[in-house]
Protein backbone atom coordinates (compact mmCIF):
# COMPACT_ATOMS: atom_id res chain seq x y z
CA MET A 1 7.08 4.29 -18.66
CA THR A 2 4.59 1.52 -18.90
CA TYR A 3 2.10 0.79 -16.12
CA ASN A 4 2.09 -2.94 -16.58
CA SER A 5 5.41 -3.34 -14.76
CA VAL A 6 6.28 -3.41 -11.06
CA GLU A 7 8.12 -0.12 -11.34
CA GLY A 8 5.38 1.54 -13.28
CA LEU A 9 2.70 0.49 -10.84
CA GLU A 10 4.91 1.32 -7.87
CA VAL A 11 5.01 4.93 -9.09
CA LEU A 12 1.24 4.99 -9.12
CA VAL A 13 0.60 3.36 -5.77
CA LEU A 14 3.35 4.99 -3.71
CA PRO A 15 1.66 8.34 -3.14
CA GLN A 16 -1.50 6.75 -1.70
CA ILE A 17 0.48 4.29 0.45
CA ALA A 18 2.69 7.13 1.72
CA ALA A 19 -0.39 9.18 2.60
CA THR A 20 -1.90 6.28 4.47
CA LEU A 21 1.35 5.73 6.34
CA ASN A 22 1.44 9.42 7.24
CA ALA A 23 -2.14 9.29 8.53
CA MET A 24 -1.33 6.22 10.60
CA MET A 25 1.64 7.98 12.18
CA ARG A 26 -0.38 11.09 12.95
CA GLU A 27 -3.02 8.97 14.59
CA GLY A 28 -0.46 7.06 16.65
CA VAL A 29 -0.89 3.60 15.14
CA VAL A 30 1.57 1.31 16.73
CA ASP A 31 4.12 0.05 14.15
CA PRO A 32 2.41 1.64 11.11
CA VAL A 33 4.71 -0.06 8.62
CA ASN A 34 3.80 -3.49 9.87
CA ALA A 35 0.17 -2.38 9.96
CA LEU A 36 0.37 -1.52 6.21
CA ARG A 37 1.83 -4.90 5.47
CA ARG A 38 -1.00 -6.60 7.40
CA LEU A 39 -3.56 -4.53 5.52
CA GLN A 40 -2.04 -5.52 2.19
CA GLY A 41 -2.37 -9.14 3.30
CA GLY A 42 -6.06 -8.62 3.94
CA SER A 43 -6.19 -7.89 7.67
CA ASP A 44 -9.57 -6.76 8.99
CA GLU A 45 -8.37 -5.59 12.39
CA PRO A 46 -10.89 -3.15 13.90
CA THR A 47 -8.16 -0.50 14.73
CA LEU A 48 -7.00 -0.54 11.10
CA ARG A 49 -10.37 -0.34 9.40
CA PRO A 50 -10.09 3.41 8.77
CA TYR A 51 -7.07 2.65 6.59
CA SER A 52 -8.22 -0.59 4.91
CA ALA A 53 -9.72 1.14 1.86
CA THR A 54 -6.29 2.01 0.59
CA PHE A 55 -5.42 -1.45 -0.79
CA ARG A 56 -8.95 -2.14 -1.98
CA THR A 57 -8.92 1.12 -3.90
CA LEU A 58 -5.48 0.47 -5.38
CA ARG A 59 -6.55 -3.02 -6.44
CA GLY A 60 -9.71 -1.61 -7.92
CA LEU A 61 -7.79 0.98 -9.92
CA TYR A 62 -4.79 -0.96 -11.10
CA VAL A 63 -5.72 -4.58 -11.64
CA PHE A 64 -5.99 -5.21 -15.37
CA ASP A 65 -5.01 -7.86 -17.84
CA GLY A 66 -4.06 -10.38 -15.14
CA ASN A 67 -1.47 -8.21 -13.45
CA GLU A 68 -2.57 -9.00 -9.89
CA GLN A 69 0.86 -10.43 -8.94
CA ILE A 70 2.67 -7.45 -10.43
CA LEU A 71 0.50 -5.06 -8.49
CA GLU A 72 0.97 -6.88 -5.24
CA GLN A 73 4.73 -6.76 -5.72
CA ALA A 74 4.56 -3.10 -6.57
CA MET A 75 2.53 -2.41 -3.40
CA ARG A 76 5.02 -4.35 -1.29
CA GLN A 77 7.87 -2.36 -2.75
CA ALA A 78 6.03 0.89 -2.21
CA VAL A 79 5.42 0.02 1.43
CA ASP A 80 9.13 -0.82 1.81
CA LEU A 81 10.10 2.47 0.20
CA ALA A 82 7.74 4.49 2.36
CA ALA A 83 9.03 2.57 5.44
CA SER A 84 12.64 3.40 4.54
CA VAL A 85 11.80 7.09 4.94
CA VAL A 86 10.13 6.55 8.31
CA ILE A 87 12.63 4.21 9.89
């Protein structure tokens, strides 16, 4: 598997996104899936700040060789996948 594809990056980002979703659910965040989507879009809501490092960290780790769009798509798919387990 290569890590310069949506699927390859999704495998790498899914565990961290799932852990963040789990933490949000434990802490009682209202609509945690939508909150993850807002965080990926750059939301700086005060109630979500404890979770905001997730996407910054993922971008810091996995942006290379101009793959920003691939990573963003992988993160969206990972959020959708994690959400499908919750919903």
